[in-house]
Amino acid sequence: MDQVISLPQIAAMHIHDSHPVVHVLLVVVYTLTTLAVVIFLVQFYRYKVRKNHSDFANYPLNSKRFRIMLLMVGLWFIFMLLQTWYVTYFNIGTSENQSAIEQLLRDTPIWTWVDAVLVAPVIEELIFRGLFF
């Protein structure tokens, strides 16, 4: 979910337009994406409680837990905005690994996506769950 929410932030890094409307639009998209993920997580929590597939049923969503969830998401949102400001304000460059990944995405975007999203998680699960356990 963090990767989904960071997509507007990644887009902001690659947009060199200094027009304030573009920046406001990216903040709006970032906020809406965050809200969508929060709504998804709350719905998933309710689904788990309703279906009783896990220990979630022992902890029903009440107003206290919901406020704590909102507080955590709000703090995370503020942290991400501060992180973006810090990186931009102090002109912190990207690492060599990040630069290599960005170059791969520019050269072969489809294959890099397939490798990162489909192949790598399957291989990781096979190694860590299959071999070690």
Protein backbone atom coordinates (compact mmCIF):
# COMPACT_ATOMS: atom_id res chain seq x y z
CA MET A 1 0.00 0.00 0.00
CA ASP A 2 2.91 2.30 0.70
CA GLN A 3 4.08 1.92 -2.88
CA VAL A 4 0.67 2.88 -4.23
CA ILE A 5 0.57 5.97 -2.08
CA SER A 6 4.09 6.99 -3.07
CA LEU A 7 3.25 7.11 -6.80
CA PRO A 8 2.27 10.83 -6.72
CA GLN A 9 5.48 11.53 -4.82
CA ILE A 10 7.51 9.73 -7.49
CA ALA A 11 5.65 11.69 -10.17
CA ALA A 12 6.51 14.94 -8.35
CA MET A 13 10.20 14.05 -8.50
CA HIS A 14 10.06 13.74 -12.28
CA ILE A 15 7.94 16.80 -13.00
CA HIS A 16 10.13 19.83 -13.46
CA ASP A 17 7.27 22.26 -13.90
CA SER A 18 7.47 24.92 -11.19
CA HIS A 19 3.90 26.11 -11.67
CA PRO A 20 2.11 26.11 -8.30
CA VAL A 21 -1.04 24.55 -9.75
CA VAL A 22 0.93 21.41 -10.65
CA HIS A 23 2.25 21.11 -7.10
CA VAL A 24 -1.20 21.66 -5.60
CA LEU A 25 -2.64 19.06 -7.96
CA LEU A 26 0.02 16.54 -6.88
CA VAL A 27 -0.74 17.18 -3.20
CA VAL A 28 -4.45 16.65 -3.93
CA VAL A 29 -3.73 13.39 -5.78
CA TYR A 30 -1.42 12.30 -2.94
CA THR A 31 -4.15 13.05 -0.37
CA LEU A 32 -6.86 11.27 -2.37
CA THR A 33 -4.61 8.25 -2.86
CA THR A 34 -3.93 8.14 0.87
CA LEU A 35 -7.64 8.36 1.66
CA ALA A 36 -8.39 5.59 -0.83
CA VAL A 37 -5.86 3.30 0.85
CA VAL A 38 -7.27 4.12 4.29
CA ILE A 39 -10.80 3.34 3.11
CA PHE A 40 -9.56 0.09 1.59
CA LEU A 41 -7.83 -0.92 4.83
CA VAL A 42 -10.93 -0.13 6.91
CA GLN A 43 -13.11 -2.15 4.53
CA PHE A 44 -10.63 -5.02 4.64
CA TYR A 45 -10.68 -4.89 8.44
CA ARG A 46 -14.49 -5.03 8.44
CA TYR A 47 -14.44 -7.91 5.98
CA LYS A 48 -12.07 -9.86 8.21
CA VAL A 49 -14.27 -9.21 11.24
CA ARG A 50 -17.40 -10.24 9.35
CA LYS A 51 -15.91 -13.42 7.93
CA ASN A 52 -14.02 -14.24 11.14
CA HIS A 53 -11.05 -15.58 9.22
CA SER A 54 -8.54 -14.32 11.74
CA ASP A 55 -8.02 -12.80 15.14
CA PHE A 56 -9.51 -9.53 13.89
CA ALA A 57 -12.90 -10.65 15.19
CA ASN A 58 -11.60 -10.38 18.74
CA TYR A 59 -10.91 -6.68 18.23
CA PRO A 60 -13.95 -4.99 16.67
CA LEU A 61 -13.47 -1.57 15.15
CA ASN A 62 -14.66 0.97 17.70
CA SER A 63 -14.23 4.73 17.81
CA LYS A 64 -11.01 4.56 19.87
CA ARG A 65 -9.30 2.16 17.45
CA PHE A 66 -10.55 4.18 14.49
CA ARG A 67 -9.13 7.41 15.98
CA ILE A 68 -5.80 5.68 16.58
CA MET A 69 -5.78 4.46 12.98
CA LEU A 70 -6.52 7.97 11.72
CA LEU A 71 -3.82 9.41 13.96
CA MET A 72 -1.26 6.94 12.63
CA VAL A 73 -2.20 7.64 9.01
CA GLY A 74 -2.11 11.38 9.67
CA LEU A 75 1.33 11.17 11.28
CA TRP A 76 2.54 9.01 8.40
CA PHE A 77 1.13 11.53 5.89
CA ILE A 78 2.89 14.42 7.65
CA PHE A 79 6.12 12.41 7.78
CA MET A 80 5.97 11.74 4.04
CA LEU A 81 5.36 15.43 3.29
CA LEU A 82 8.27 16.43 5.55
CA GLN A 83 10.49 13.83 3.92
CA THR A 84 9.64 15.19 0.46
CA TRP A 85 10.30 18.76 1.63
CA TYR A 86 13.62 17.74 3.24
CA VAL A 87 14.87 15.96 0.13
CA THR A 88 13.84 18.88 -2.08
CA TYR A 89 15.06 21.67 0.21
CA PHE A 90 18.51 20.20 0.85
CA ASN A 91 18.81 18.95 -2.75
CA ILE A 92 19.66 15.40 -1.69
CA GLY A 93 20.60 13.31 -4.68
CA THR A 94 19.60 9.76 -5.32
CA SER A 95 21.78 6.77 -4.51
CA GLU A 96 23.52 4.74 -7.19
CA ASN A 97 21.08 1.87 -6.65
CA GLN A 98 18.07 4.16 -7.14
CA SER A 99 19.68 5.67 -10.23
CA ALA A 100 20.24 2.19 -11.66
CA ILE A 101 16.60 1.25 -11.01
CA GLU A 102 15.37 4.46 -12.63
CA GLN A 103 17.60 3.78 -15.65
CA LEU A 104 16.14 0.26 -15.92
CA LEU A 105 12.63 1.72 -15.77
CA ARG A 106 13.48 4.15 -18.58
CA ASP A 107 15.17 1.51 -20.76
CA THR A 108 12.85 -1.47 -20.23
CA PRO A 109 9.80 -0.34 -18.26
CA ILE A 110 7.58 -3.36 -18.88
CA TRP A 111 10.23 -5.98 -18.07
CA THR A 112 11.40 -4.11 -15.00
CA TRP A 113 7.81 -3.89 -13.76
CA VAL A 114 7.19 -7.59 -14.44
CA ASP A 115 10.40 -8.50 -12.63
CA ALA A 116 9.75 -6.24 -9.61
CA VAL A 117 6.03 -6.92 -9.22
CA LEU A 118 5.56 -10.51 -10.38
CA VAL A 119 8.82 -12.46 -10.46
CA ALA A 120 10.68 -11.10 -7.40
CA PRO A 121 7.86 -11.72 -4.88
CA VAL A 122 7.32 -15.27 -6.13
CA ILE A 123 11.02 -16.07 -5.94
CA GLU A 124 11.22 -14.49 -2.48
CA GLU A 125 8.31 -16.58 -1.18
CA LEU A 126 9.77 -19.75 -2.67
CA ILE A 127 13.14 -19.11 -1.04
CA PHE A 128 12.03 -17.91 2.36
CA ARG A 129 8.96 -20.10 2.83
CA GLY A 130 10.04 -23.06 0.76
CA LEU A 131 13.70 -23.49 1.53
CA PHE A 132 14.08 -22.04 5.01
CA PHE A 133 10.88 -23.45 6.50
